[in-house]
Structure formats: C-alpha cells, structure tokens
Amino acid sequence: MNETKEFEFRGTVISGFVMLGMFFVLLGLSPFFFIRAMHLPGVVCAVVAIFTLPGFVLIEPNNLRVLLFFGKYRGTLRRNGFFWLNPFYTKTKLTMRARNLDIPPIKVNDKNGNPIMIGLVIVWRLRDTYKCMFEIDSSSFMAPGAPALSAQNRMTAYEQFVSIQSDAALRSVAGRYAYDLLDNQKHETTLRDGGEEVNSELEKEINERLDIAGIEAIEARINYLAYAPEIAAVMLRRQQAEAIIAAREKIVEGAVSMVDMALHQLKEKGVVELDNDKKAAMVSNLLVVLCSDEPAAPMINTTGESK
C-alpha cells in the first residue's frame, strides 16, 4: 500500500529573484542594442528575456509542483518559495491541504435487510503525487471543455473520485452491521452503537479504495443514521414497545422487592399473623397497586343499618 514511484525533484532550481533581476537586465539591454544599431544582440537579449518567463514558479506552503520533461516524470518539487526552472518543464500544481467532503445520506440495506438512510463526512488529502497524476484518469471527472491542467478543476476531479469511492465504501460497511439489535443479536456491534469501531472500519475501507489514486482519508465518520421513511414508523413502534417492556420489567422487579420487604417486616415486628391465603391476597393487592398505571383507589368496607 505504501509503495510509491514518487521522488523529490533533483534538477536545477534557481532563485526566482536572481532570474527576475537577469530578466530585467536583458529586457533593458535589448533596446540599448537596437539604439546602437546592433540588431542581432538586441534580438538575442529580447528572445532570452522572453524565454525565461515560463520558468518562474511560486510555491505556497502545502502546495507543490509535479514536473514533466516532454512527457517524462522528473520529480516533485515540494520546496516553498519563488524559483526558476527550465521553461521546458511542465509544472502541474497540486495541493496537499486537507479537504472536507460531506456525503449526503444514501439509502442502503443493513445486515438484516432493513432499508436505512446513512451519510458520512470525510477529511481527505493527496498523499502520493505520482499516483494522483498517472494512476487515474482525472479528466474523466472534469466538466467538458475544462482546462486539463487547471489546478481547481483537477482538485474538483479528485473530489468527485473521493465521493464515488466513499459512497461505495459506505454501502459495503453498512451492509456488514445491523442498524439495531434484535432479540437474537445481543452481543453484536450495530451501526447505532458501534461508534469508533464502525468508523474505524469505514475509514479503512475508504483508504483501501483511495490508495490507487494516491489519496488518503484522514478521518471518516458517520454523521447521519436513520431508518428509511417507509419503515421508520414501524420501527419507532417497535422501539416504543421495547422501551415499555423494559420499563415494566423494572417496575415488576421493584414491586416484588417491596412486597417481599413488606411481608418480612410484618412477620418480624409481629404486626399481624397472615396465613397463606391472606398472604396471597396481600401480595396480589400490593402488586396491582405498585404495577398499575393508575393511582390506587382503596375501597373501605363499612357495616351499618340505614334508617
């Protein structure tokens, strides 16, 4: 994965300020020779001055130039500053700065076959300039008629490549995990609670797909996750049912504990003697009161004669 044919440019690099001074000298000598009727030296000075112009190059931090000499790769110039190179070199500008790409949510099927909507955000940058230039056809991603060597259009083409491959990687990873746990999947990682594990798997998958283009994903994270609209309502009811069941389990567990404590304290303090039938009735009444959604409404038996 780390093999590369990229290497640092080892040719002649002259300070751009030195050559800029020479350019102005030659430009000033040309009319001087013509005034003196020395046409040949004047023409030579003018031609040499014009010839030096394409050799100037300004390289900003985190930018570089890929140099070609009549179609042959001569190296990558990463030094920052103002330089002059052989004018016959083709100098392609690339940037190594990190870029952010937000992949809109797409519909995929999870491990259980449920349709879900999932999106991601990715931070990426160029890593290998040789692969970026020569391993993929970036022109296939450019708009018709766009300049082939335009730095902005080239980076837009790489962004399109990253977007397509990230989409494919996201579909692949989403199909390996369930959106949420089912009854028979108590110990499996899911998309909803997988967190760093799922993001790490996604980043690895994306980097494997981008390696051919010399691009690396610095970070990739799922930033949107939901059931598809056609099953969202059904799954919401399922989640609500699970929440109700879990709450009921807690309520029953607490009620049983309270009934047991009540019976134990009644017996220990000798408040009242209860036989099995009375214990059963008391347990039934306490459980109804403690587990009911409605407030208790006690009934008092009274005896008396009406007049």
C-alpha atoms as a PDB file:
ATOM      1  CA  MET A   1       0.000   0.000   0.000  1.00  0.00           C
ATOM      2  CA  ASN A   2       2.894   2.363   0.760  1.00  0.00           C
ATOM      3  CA  GLU A   3       4.865   1.624  -2.409  1.00  0.00           C
ATOM      4  CA  THR A   4       5.377   4.738  -4.481  1.00  0.00           C
ATOM      5  CA  LYS A   5       7.198   5.921  -7.572  1.00  0.00           C
ATOM      6  CA  GLU A   6       7.225   9.492  -6.352  1.00  0.00           C
ATOM      7  CA  PHE A   7      10.591  11.139  -5.702  1.00  0.00           C
ATOM      8  CA  GLU A   8      11.890  14.618  -4.979  1.00  0.00           C
ATOM      9  CA  PHE A   9      12.952  16.740  -7.948  1.00  0.00           C
ATOM     10  CA  ARG A  10      16.761  16.693  -8.220  1.00  0.00           C
ATOM     11  CA  GLY A  11      17.236  19.050 -11.159  1.00  0.00           C
ATOM     12  CA  THR A  12      18.484  22.638 -11.240  1.00  0.00           C
ATOM     13  CA  VAL A  13      16.448  25.080  -9.176  1.00  0.00           C
ATOM     14  CA  ILE A  14      17.497  28.756  -9.282  1.00  0.00           C
ATOM     15  CA  SER A  15      16.237  31.532  -7.050  1.00  0.00           C
ATOM     16  CA  GLY A  16      13.422  33.343  -8.797  1.00  0.00           C
ATOM     17  CA  PHE A  17      14.695  36.726  -7.615  1.00  0.00           C
ATOM     18  CA  VAL A  18      18.087  36.170  -9.287  1.00  0.00           C
ATOM     19  CA  MET A  19      16.458  35.234 -12.563  1.00  0.00           C
ATOM     20  CA  LEU A  20      13.987  38.103 -12.230  1.00  0.00           C
ATOM     21  CA  GLY A  21      16.933  40.516 -11.985  1.00  0.00           C
ATOM     22  CA  MET A  22      18.527  38.903 -15.052  1.00  0.00           C
ATOM     23  CA  PHE A  23      15.224  39.225 -16.908  1.00  0.00           C
ATOM     24  CA  PHE A  24      15.095  42.981 -16.321  1.00  0.00           C
ATOM     25  CA  VAL A  25      18.763  43.336 -17.304  1.00  0.00           C
ATOM     26  CA  LEU A  26      18.168  41.536 -20.602  1.00  0.00           C
ATOM     27  CA  LEU A  27      14.980  43.488 -21.141  1.00  0.00           C
ATOM     28  CA  GLY A  28      16.894  46.745 -20.627  1.00  0.00           C
ATOM     29  CA  LEU A  29      19.817  45.730 -22.887  1.00  0.00           C
ATOM     30  CA  SER A  30      17.575  44.891 -25.826  1.00  0.00           C
ATOM     31  CA  PRO A  31      16.520  48.498 -26.696  1.00  0.00           C
ATOM     32  CA  PHE A  32      20.073  49.696 -25.905  1.00  0.00           C
ATOM     33  CA  PHE A  33      21.483  47.432 -28.633  1.00  0.00           C
ATOM     34  CA  PHE A  34      18.785  48.471 -31.097  1.00  0.00           C
ATOM     35  CA  ILE A  35      19.624  52.160 -30.484  1.00  0.00           C
ATOM     36  CA  ARG A  36      23.253  51.379 -31.236  1.00  0.00           C
ATOM     37  CA  ALA A  37      22.140  49.620 -34.435  1.00  0.00           C
ATOM     38  CA  MET A  38      23.320  46.278 -33.019  1.00  0.00           C
ATOM     39  CA  HIS A  39      20.245  44.344 -34.077  1.00  0.00           C
ATOM     40  CA  LEU A  40      21.474  40.790 -33.527  1.00  0.00           C
ATOM     41  CA  PRO A  41      22.490  41.249 -29.860  1.00  0.00           C
ATOM     42  CA  GLY A  42      19.222  43.133 -29.282  1.00  0.00           C
ATOM     43  CA  VAL A  43      17.167  40.309 -30.745  1.00  0.00           C
ATOM     44  CA  VAL A  44      19.106  37.734 -28.720  1.00  0.00           C
ATOM     45  CA  CYS A  45      18.544  39.648 -25.465  1.00  0.00           C
ATOM     46  CA  ALA A  46      14.817  40.017 -26.178  1.00  0.00           C
ATOM     47  CA  VAL A  47      14.421  36.339 -27.071  1.00  0.00           C
ATOM     48  CA  VAL A  48      16.339  35.180 -23.977  1.00  0.00           C
ATOM     49  CA  ALA A  49      14.290  37.516 -21.750  1.00  0.00           C
ATOM     50  CA  ILE A  50      11.019  36.174 -23.153  1.00  0.00           C
ATOM     51  CA  PHE A  51      12.368  32.611 -22.882  1.00  0.00           C
ATOM     52  CA  THR A  52      12.945  32.982 -19.126  1.00  0.00           C
ATOM     53  CA  LEU A  53       9.346  33.982 -18.334  1.00  0.00           C
ATOM     54  CA  PRO A  54       7.734  30.479 -18.344  1.00  0.00           C
ATOM     55  CA  GLY A  55      10.393  29.240 -15.906  1.00  0.00           C
ATOM     56  CA  PHE A  56       9.171  31.267 -12.930  1.00  0.00           C
ATOM     57  CA  VAL A  57       7.180  29.364 -10.325  1.00  0.00           C
ATOM     58  CA  LEU A  58       5.762  30.378  -6.936  1.00  0.00           C
ATOM     59  CA  ILE A  59       5.052  27.535  -4.468  1.00  0.00           C
ATOM     60  CA  GLU A  60       2.989  28.241  -1.359  1.00  0.00           C
ATOM     61  CA  PRO A  61       3.049  26.153   1.859  1.00  0.00           C
ATOM     62  CA  ASN A  62       1.399  22.741   1.440  1.00  0.00           C
ATOM     63  CA  ASN A  63       1.441  23.178  -2.336  1.00  0.00           C
ATOM     64  CA  LEU A  64       3.832  21.539  -4.792  1.00  0.00           C
ATOM     65  CA  ARG A  65       4.637  21.098  -8.457  1.00  0.00           C
ATOM     66  CA  VAL A  66       4.812  17.825 -10.394  1.00  0.00           C
ATOM     67  CA  LEU A  67       7.439  18.264 -13.119  1.00  0.00           C
ATOM     68  CA  LEU A  68       7.383  16.591 -16.524  1.00  0.00           C
ATOM     69  CA  PHE A  69      10.015  16.934 -19.227  1.00  0.00           C
ATOM     70  CA  PHE A  70       8.493  16.096 -22.615  1.00  0.00           C
ATOM     71  CA  GLY A  71       6.206  13.511 -21.011  1.00  0.00           C
ATOM     72  CA  LYS A  72       8.773  12.020 -18.619  1.00  0.00           C
ATOM     73  CA  TYR A  73       8.272  12.332 -14.874  1.00  0.00           C
ATOM     74  CA  ARG A  74      11.230  14.246 -13.417  1.00  0.00           C
ATOM     75  CA  GLY A  75      10.134  14.521  -9.790  1.00  0.00           C
ATOM     76  CA  THR A  76       8.015  16.518  -7.377  1.00  0.00           C
ATOM     77  CA  LEU A  77       9.130  19.921  -6.112  1.00  0.00           C
ATOM     78  CA  ARG A  78       7.865  20.446  -2.556  1.00  0.00           C
ATOM     79  CA  ARG A  79      10.081  23.380  -1.567  1.00  0.00           C
ATOM     80  CA  ASN A  80       8.231  26.610  -0.799  1.00  0.00           C
ATOM     81  CA  GLY A  81       9.303  29.909  -2.316  1.00  0.00           C
ATOM     82  CA  PHE A  82       9.929  31.722  -5.594  1.00  0.00           C
ATOM     83  CA  PHE A  83      12.033  29.698  -8.068  1.00  0.00           C
ATOM     84  CA  TRP A  84      13.067  29.476 -11.687  1.00  0.00           C
ATOM     85  CA  LEU A  85      13.166  26.149 -13.526  1.00  0.00           C
ATOM     86  CA  ASN A  86      13.859  25.024 -17.040  1.00  0.00           C
ATOM     87  CA  PRO A  87      10.995  26.566 -19.103  1.00  0.00           C
ATOM     88  CA  PHE A  88      10.535  23.273 -20.953  1.00  0.00           C
ATOM     89  CA  TYR A  89       9.308  21.582 -17.767  1.00  0.00           C
ATOM     90  CA  THR A  90       5.559  21.085 -17.496  1.00  0.00           C
ATOM     91  CA  LYS A  91       4.673  22.209 -13.988  1.00  0.00           C
ATOM     92  CA  THR A  92       1.416  20.800 -12.614  1.00  0.00           C
ATOM     93  CA  LYS A  93       0.178  22.390  -9.413  1.00  0.00           C
ATOM     94  CA  LEU A  94      -1.217  20.167  -6.658  1.00  0.00           C
ATOM     95  CA  THR A  95      -2.183  20.968  -3.082  1.00  0.00           C
ATOM     96  CA  MET A  96      -1.582  18.735  -0.069  1.00  0.00           C
ATOM     97  CA  ARG A  97      -4.022  20.645   2.113  1.00  0.00           C
ATOM     98  CA  ALA A  98      -6.774  18.712   3.866  1.00  0.00           C
ATOM     99  CA  ARG A  99     -10.253  18.967   2.409  1.00  0.00           C
ATOM    100  CA  ASN A 100     -13.658  18.238   3.885  1.00  0.00           C
ATOM    101  CA  LEU A 101     -16.367  16.344   1.997  1.00  0.00           C
ATOM    102  CA  ASP A 102     -19.918  15.752   3.207  1.00  0.00           C
ATOM    103  CA  ILE A 103     -21.516  12.708   1.564  1.00  0.00           C
ATOM    104  CA  PRO A 104     -25.333  13.179   1.521  1.00  0.00           C
ATOM    105  CA  PRO A 105     -27.389  10.375   3.124  1.00  0.00           C
ATOM    106  CA  ILE A 106     -27.960   7.412   0.839  1.00  0.00           C
ATOM    107  CA  LYS A 107     -30.417   4.520   1.125  1.00  0.00           C
ATOM    108  CA  VAL A 108     -28.792   1.125   1.795  1.00  0.00           C
ATOM    109  CA  ASN A 109     -29.801  -2.195   3.338  1.00  0.00           C
ATOM    110  CA  ASP A 110     -28.275  -3.134   6.675  1.00  0.00           C
ATOM    111  CA  LYS A 111     -27.226  -6.644   7.700  1.00  0.00           C
ATOM    112  CA  ASN A 112     -30.828  -7.617   8.414  1.00  0.00           C
ATOM    113  CA  GLY A 113     -32.051  -6.266   5.072  1.00  0.00           C
ATOM    114  CA  ASN A 114     -33.756  -3.220   6.571  1.00  0.00           C
ATOM    115  CA  PRO A 115     -33.599  -0.087   4.391  1.00  0.00           C
ATOM    116  CA  ILE A 116     -31.783   2.721   6.206  1.00  0.00           C
ATOM    117  CA  MET A 117     -30.518   6.203   5.407  1.00  0.00           C
ATOM    118  CA  ILE A 118     -26.843   6.751   6.189  1.00  0.00           C
ATOM    119  CA  GLY A 119     -24.391   9.570   5.433  1.00  0.00           C
ATOM    120  CA  LEU A 120     -20.791  10.369   6.284  1.00  0.00           C
ATOM    121  CA  VAL A 121     -18.282  13.194   6.461  1.00  0.00           C
ATOM    122  CA  ILE A 122     -14.711  12.609   5.320  1.00  0.00           C
ATOM    123  CA  VAL A 123     -11.493  14.600   5.670  1.00  0.00           C
ATOM    124  CA  TRP A 124      -9.054  13.753   2.870  1.00  0.00           C
ATOM    125  CA  ARG A 125      -5.897  14.947   1.155  1.00  0.00           C
ATOM    126  CA  LEU A 126      -3.456  13.949  -1.559  1.00  0.00           C
ATOM    127  CA  ARG A 127      -0.648  11.674  -0.392  1.00  0.00           C
ATOM    128  CA  ASP A 128       1.203  10.334  -3.444  1.00  0.00           C
ATOM    129  CA  THR A 129       1.606  12.800  -6.315  1.00  0.00           C
ATOM    130  CA  TYR A 130       2.748  10.161  -8.810  1.00  0.00           C
ATOM    131  CA  LYS A 131      -0.420   8.098  -8.331  1.00  0.00           C
ATOM    132  CA  CYS A 132      -2.570  11.223  -8.374  1.00  0.00           C
ATOM    133  CA  MET A 133      -1.144  12.256 -11.736  1.00  0.00           C
ATOM    134  CA  PHE A 134      -0.675   8.981 -13.569  1.00  0.00           C
ATOM    135  CA  GLU A 135      -2.668   6.132 -11.962  1.00  0.00           C
ATOM    136  CA  ILE A 136      -6.167   7.526 -12.586  1.00  0.00           C
ATOM    137  CA  ASP A 137      -7.694   9.478 -15.463  1.00  0.00           C
ATOM    138  CA  SER A 138      -8.779  12.650 -13.687  1.00  0.00           C
ATOM    139  CA  SER A 139     -10.075  14.115 -16.970  1.00  0.00           C
ATOM    140  CA  SER A 140     -12.994  11.668 -16.862  1.00  0.00           C
ATOM    141  CA  PHE A 141     -14.309  13.530 -13.794  1.00  0.00           C
ATOM    142  CA  MET A 142     -13.845  17.020 -15.280  1.00  0.00           C
ATOM    143  CA  ALA A 143     -16.563  19.040 -16.937  1.00  0.00           C
ATOM    144  CA  PRO A 144     -16.476  19.080 -20.760  1.00  0.00           C
ATOM    145  CA  GLY A 145     -14.192  21.812 -22.057  1.00  0.00           C
ATOM    146  CA  ALA A 146     -12.477  22.385 -18.692  1.00  0.00           C
ATOM    147  CA  PRO A 147      -8.714  23.131 -18.891  1.00  0.00           C
ATOM    148  CA  ALA A 148      -6.804  19.888 -18.385  1.00  0.00           C
ATOM    149  CA  LEU A 149      -4.110  21.482 -16.214  1.00  0.00           C
ATOM    150  CA  SER A 150      -6.342  23.793 -14.184  1.00  0.00           C
ATOM    151  CA  ALA A 151      -5.451  23.215 -10.519  1.00  0.00           C
ATOM    152  CA  GLN A 152      -9.002  23.940  -9.358  1.00  0.00           C
ATOM    153  CA  ASN A 153     -10.568  21.595 -11.902  1.00  0.00           C
ATOM    154  CA  ARG A 154      -8.051  18.887 -11.080  1.00  0.00           C
ATOM    155  CA  MET A 155      -8.884  19.072  -7.351  1.00  0.00           C
ATOM    156  CA  THR A 156     -12.587  19.026  -8.223  1.00  0.00           C
ATOM    157  CA  ALA A 157     -11.963  15.845 -10.209  1.00  0.00           C
ATOM    158  CA  TYR A 158     -10.219  14.253  -7.219  1.00  0.00           C
ATOM    159  CA  GLU A 159     -13.148  15.280  -5.023  1.00  0.00           C
ATOM    160  CA  GLN A 160     -15.518  13.501  -7.412  1.00  0.00           C
ATOM    161  CA  PHE A 161     -13.331  10.388  -7.233  1.00  0.00           C
ATOM    162  CA  VAL A 162     -13.335  10.517  -3.405  1.00  0.00           C
ATOM    163  CA  SER A 163     -17.108  10.998  -3.352  1.00  0.00           C
ATOM    164  CA  ILE A 164     -17.790   7.982  -5.591  1.00  0.00           C
ATOM    165  CA  GLN A 165     -15.399   5.662  -3.750  1.00  0.00           C
ATOM    166  CA  SER A 166     -16.635   6.815  -0.324  1.00  0.00           C
ATOM    167  CA  ASP A 167     -20.190   6.096  -1.409  1.00  0.00           C
ATOM    168  CA  ALA A 168     -19.189   2.552  -2.407  1.00  0.00           C
ATOM    169  CA  ALA A 169     -17.277   2.014   0.851  1.00  0.00           C
ATOM    170  CA  LEU A 170     -20.211   3.278   2.917  1.00  0.00           C
ATOM    171  CA  ARG A 171     -22.593   0.850   1.206  1.00  0.00           C
ATOM    172  CA  SER A 172     -20.173  -2.012   1.851  1.00  0.00           C
ATOM    173  CA  VAL A 173     -19.651  -1.243   5.551  1.00  0.00           C
ATOM    174  CA  ALA A 174     -23.346  -0.542   6.232  1.00  0.00           C
ATOM    175  CA  GLY A 175     -24.219  -3.988   4.869  1.00  0.00           C
ATOM    176  CA  ARG A 176     -21.989  -5.679   7.465  1.00  0.00           C
ATOM    177  CA  TYR A 177     -23.821  -4.332  10.509  1.00  0.00           C
ATOM    178  CA  ALA A 178     -27.401  -4.241  11.713  1.00  0.00           C
ATOM    179  CA  TYR A 179     -28.961  -0.864  12.422  1.00  0.00           C
ATOM    180  CA  ASP A 180     -30.029  -2.005  15.880  1.00  0.00           C
ATOM    181  CA  LEU A 181     -30.023  -5.190  17.956  1.00  0.00           C
ATOM    182  CA  LEU A 182     -32.689  -7.842  17.543  1.00  0.00           C
ATOM    183  CA  ASP A 183     -33.585 -10.455  20.161  1.00  0.00           C
ATOM    184  CA  ASN A 184     -31.040 -12.939  18.749  1.00  0.00           C
ATOM    185  CA  GLN A 185     -28.224 -10.404  18.386  1.00  0.00           C
ATOM    186  CA  LYS A 186     -27.484  -9.472  21.999  1.00  0.00           C
ATOM    187  CA  HIS A 187     -23.713  -9.214  21.617  1.00  0.00           C
ATOM    188  CA  GLU A 188     -23.276  -7.907  18.081  1.00  0.00           C
ATOM    189  CA  THR A 189     -21.955  -4.465  17.130  1.00  0.00           C
ATOM    190  CA  THR A 190     -24.554  -2.278  15.436  1.00  0.00           C
ATOM    191  CA  LEU A 191     -24.441   0.898  13.397  1.00  0.00           C
ATOM    192  CA  ARG A 192     -26.262   2.803  16.114  1.00  0.00           C
ATOM    193  CA  ASP A 193     -23.957   1.909  18.995  1.00  0.00           C
ATOM    194  CA  GLY A 194     -20.813   0.765  17.125  1.00  0.00           C
ATOM    195  CA  GLY A 195     -19.214   4.202  17.366  1.00  0.00           C
ATOM    196  CA  GLU A 196     -15.456   4.123  16.885  1.00  0.00           C
ATOM    197  CA  GLU A 197     -15.407   0.511  15.707  1.00  0.00           C
ATOM    198  CA  VAL A 198     -17.718   1.212  12.763  1.00  0.00           C
ATOM    199  CA  ASN A 199     -15.940   4.488  11.934  1.00  0.00           C
ATOM    200  CA  SER A 200     -12.567   2.737  12.014  1.00  0.00           C
ATOM    201  CA  GLU A 201     -13.853   0.025   9.677  1.00  0.00           C
ATOM    202  CA  LEU A 202     -15.264   2.692   7.359  1.00  0.00           C
ATOM    203  CA  GLU A 203     -12.006   4.669   7.292  1.00  0.00           C
ATOM    204  CA  LYS A 204     -10.029   1.508   6.492  1.00  0.00           C
ATOM    205  CA  GLU A 205     -12.405   0.583   3.664  1.00  0.00           C
ATOM    206  CA  ILE A 206     -12.222   4.072   2.150  1.00  0.00           C
ATOM    207  CA  ASN A 207      -8.411   4.179   2.311  1.00  0.00           C
ATOM    208  CA  GLU A 208      -8.176   0.839   0.516  1.00  0.00           C
ATOM    209  CA  ARG A 209     -10.289   2.226  -2.313  1.00  0.00           C
ATOM    210  CA  LEU A 210      -8.476   5.585  -2.495  1.00  0.00           C
ATOM    211  CA  ASP A 211      -4.962   4.151  -2.399  1.00  0.00           C
ATOM    212  CA  ILE A 212      -4.881   3.626  -6.174  1.00  0.00           C
ATOM    213  CA  ALA A 213      -5.263   7.399  -6.618  1.00  0.00           C
ATOM    214  CA  GLY A 214      -2.654   8.354  -4.014  1.00  0.00           C
ATOM    215  CA  ILE A 215      -5.322   9.873  -1.766  1.00  0.00           C
ATOM    216  CA  GLU A 216      -5.747   9.209   1.947  1.00  0.00           C
ATOM    217  CA  ALA A 217      -8.712   9.615   4.259  1.00  0.00           C
ATOM    218  CA  ILE A 218      -7.530  11.336   7.428  1.00  0.00           C
ATOM    219  CA  GLU A 219     -10.871  10.827   9.130  1.00  0.00           C
ATOM    220  CA  ALA A 220     -14.206   9.314   8.152  1.00  0.00           C
ATOM    221  CA  ARG A 221     -17.275   9.366  10.376  1.00  0.00           C
ATOM    222  CA  ILE A 222     -20.963   8.515  10.024  1.00  0.00           C
ATOM    223  CA  ASN A 223     -22.851  11.759  10.562  1.00  0.00           C
ATOM    224  CA  TYR A 224     -26.399  10.681   9.707  1.00  0.00           C
ATOM    225  CA  LEU A 225     -28.222   7.455  10.531  1.00  0.00           C
ATOM    226  CA  ALA A 226     -31.942   6.710  10.405  1.00  0.00           C
ATOM    227  CA  TYR A 227     -34.414   4.151   9.168  1.00  0.00           C
ATOM    228  CA  ALA A 228     -35.739   4.759   5.672  1.00  0.00           C
ATOM    229  CA  PRO A 229     -39.115   6.599   5.632  1.00  0.00           C
ATOM    230  CA  GLU A 230     -41.080   3.523   4.516  1.00  0.00           C
ATOM    231  CA  ILE A 231     -40.259   1.570   7.711  1.00  0.00           C
ATOM    232  CA  ALA A 232     -39.491   4.407  10.120  1.00  0.00           C
ATOM    233  CA  ALA A 233     -42.982   4.398  11.678  1.00  0.00           C
ATOM    234  CA  VAL A 234     -42.980   0.613  12.187  1.00  0.00           C
ATOM    235  CA  MET A 235     -39.511   0.625  13.736  1.00  0.00           C
ATOM    236  CA  LEU A 236     -40.493   3.517  16.002  1.00  0.00           C
ATOM    237  CA  ARG A 237     -43.412   1.476  17.343  1.00  0.00           C
ATOM    238  CA  ARG A 238     -41.059  -1.446  17.863  1.00  0.00           C
ATOM    239  CA  GLN A 239     -38.631   0.732  19.811  1.00  0.00           C
ATOM    240  CA  GLN A 240     -41.509   2.122  21.880  1.00  0.00           C
ATOM    241  CA  ALA A 241     -42.711  -1.406  22.655  1.00  0.00           C
ATOM    242  CA  GLU A 242     -39.219  -2.442  23.723  1.00  0.00           C
ATOM    243  CA  ALA A 243     -38.980   0.628  25.962  1.00  0.00           C
ATOM    244  CA  ILE A 244     -42.354  -0.169  27.558  1.00  0.00           C
ATOM    245  CA  ILE A 245     -41.363  -3.798  28.161  1.00  0.00           C
ATOM    246  CA  ALA A 246     -38.055  -2.734  29.705  1.00  0.00           C
ATOM    247  CA  ALA A 247     -39.856  -0.243  31.955  1.00  0.00           C
ATOM    248  CA  ARG A 248     -42.402  -2.883  33.005  1.00  0.00           C
ATOM    249  CA  GLU A 249     -39.619  -5.290  33.886  1.00  0.00           C
ATOM    250  CA  LYS A 250     -38.078  -2.682  36.175  1.00  0.00           C
ATOM    251  CA  ILE A 251     -41.458  -1.905  37.760  1.00  0.00           C
ATOM    252  CA  VAL A 252     -42.239  -5.583  38.430  1.00  0.00           C
ATOM    253  CA  GLU A 253     -38.753  -6.169  39.785  1.00  0.00           C
ATOM    254  CA  GLY A 254     -39.157  -3.254  42.199  1.00  0.00           C
ATOM    255  CA  ALA A 255     -42.698  -4.289  43.168  1.00  0.00           C
ATOM    256  CA  VAL A 256     -41.668  -7.843  44.041  1.00  0.00           C
ATOM    257  CA  SER A 257     -38.825  -6.493  46.140  1.00  0.00           C
ATOM    258  CA  MET A 258     -41.190  -4.150  48.007  1.00  0.00           C
ATOM    259  CA  VAL A 259     -43.762  -6.930  48.629  1.00  0.00           C
ATOM    260  CA  ASP A 260     -41.070  -9.222  49.965  1.00  0.00           C
ATOM    261  CA  MET A 261     -39.817  -6.465  52.277  1.00  0.00           C
ATOM    262  CA  ALA A 262     -43.356  -5.726  53.500  1.00  0.00           C
ATOM    263  CA  LEU A 263     -44.086  -9.375  54.322  1.00  0.00           C
ATOM    264  CA  HIS A 264     -40.739  -9.767  56.042  1.00  0.00           C
ATOM    265  CA  GLN A 265     -41.231  -6.690  58.240  1.00  0.00           C
ATOM    266  CA  LEU A 266     -44.825  -7.603  59.124  1.00  0.00           C
ATOM    267  CA  LYS A 267     -43.667 -11.006  60.302  1.00  0.00           C
ATOM    268  CA  GLU A 268     -40.558  -9.697  62.060  1.00  0.00           C
ATOM    269  CA  LYS A 269     -42.431  -6.991  64.010  1.00  0.00           C
ATOM    270  CA  GLY A 270     -45.430  -9.164  64.705  1.00  0.00           C
ATOM    271  CA  VAL A 271     -47.881  -6.641  63.404  1.00  0.00           C
ATOM    272  CA  VAL A 272     -50.287  -9.259  62.100  1.00  0.00           C
ATOM    273  CA  GLU A 273     -50.386 -13.010  61.582  1.00  0.00           C
ATOM    274  CA  LEU A 274     -51.093 -13.963  57.975  1.00  0.00           C
ATOM    275  CA  ASP A 275     -51.932 -17.403  56.688  1.00  0.00           C
ATOM    276  CA  ASN A 276     -51.139 -18.456  53.140  1.00  0.00           C
ATOM    277  CA  ASP A 277     -54.476 -17.288  51.728  1.00  0.00           C
ATOM    278  CA  LYS A 278     -54.142 -13.841  53.296  1.00  0.00           C
ATOM    279  CA  LYS A 279     -50.532 -13.590  52.133  1.00  0.00           C
ATOM    280  CA  ALA A 280     -51.597 -14.421  48.582  1.00  0.00           C
ATOM    281  CA  ALA A 281     -54.361 -11.812  48.692  1.00  0.00           C
ATOM    282  CA  MET A 282     -51.992  -9.210  50.138  1.00  0.00           C
ATOM    283  CA  VAL A 283     -49.335  -9.952  47.516  1.00  0.00           C
ATOM    284  CA  SER A 284     -51.942  -9.701  44.749  1.00  0.00           C
ATOM    285  CA  ASN A 285     -53.244  -6.355  46.034  1.00  0.00           C
ATOM    286  CA  LEU A 286     -49.768  -4.890  46.513  1.00  0.00           C
ATOM    287  CA  LEU A 287     -48.665  -5.943  43.036  1.00  0.00           C
ATOM    288  CA  VAL A 288     -51.783  -4.432  41.489  1.00  0.00           C
ATOM    289  CA  VAL A 289     -51.201  -1.156  43.319  1.00  0.00           C
ATOM    290  CA  LEU A 290     -47.452  -0.973  42.594  1.00  0.00           C
ATOM    291  CA  CYS A 291     -47.597  -2.089  38.939  1.00  0.00           C
ATOM    292  CA  SER A 292     -50.718  -0.212  37.896  1.00  0.00           C
ATOM    293  CA  ASP A 293     -50.514   2.872  35.677  1.00  0.00           C
ATOM    294  CA  GLU A 294     -53.442   4.413  37.555  1.00  0.00           C
ATOM    295  CA  PRO A 295     -53.336   5.683  41.155  1.00  0.00           C
ATOM    296  CA  ALA A 296     -54.752   3.316  43.746  1.00  0.00           C
ATOM    297  CA  ALA A 297     -58.382   3.787  44.782  1.00  0.00           C
ATOM    298  CA  PRO A 298     -58.878   1.891  48.074  1.00  0.00           C
ATOM    299  CA  MET A 299     -62.289   0.505  48.947  1.00  0.00           C
ATOM    300  CA  ILE A 300     -63.397   0.624  52.593  1.00  0.00           C
ATOM    301  CA  ASN A 301     -65.957  -1.880  53.796  1.00  0.00           C
ATOM    302  CA  THR A 302     -68.371  -0.447  56.337  1.00  0.00           C
ATOM    303  CA  THR A 303     -71.303  -2.047  58.089  1.00  0.00           C
ATOM    304  CA  GLY A 304     -74.338  -0.287  59.429  1.00  0.00           C
ATOM    305  CA  GLU A 305     -78.082  -0.057  59.297  1.00  0.00           C
ATOM    306  CA  SER A 306     -79.921   2.558  57.364  1.00  0.00           C
ATOM    307  CA  LYS A 307     -82.888   4.244  58.987  1.00  0.00           C
END
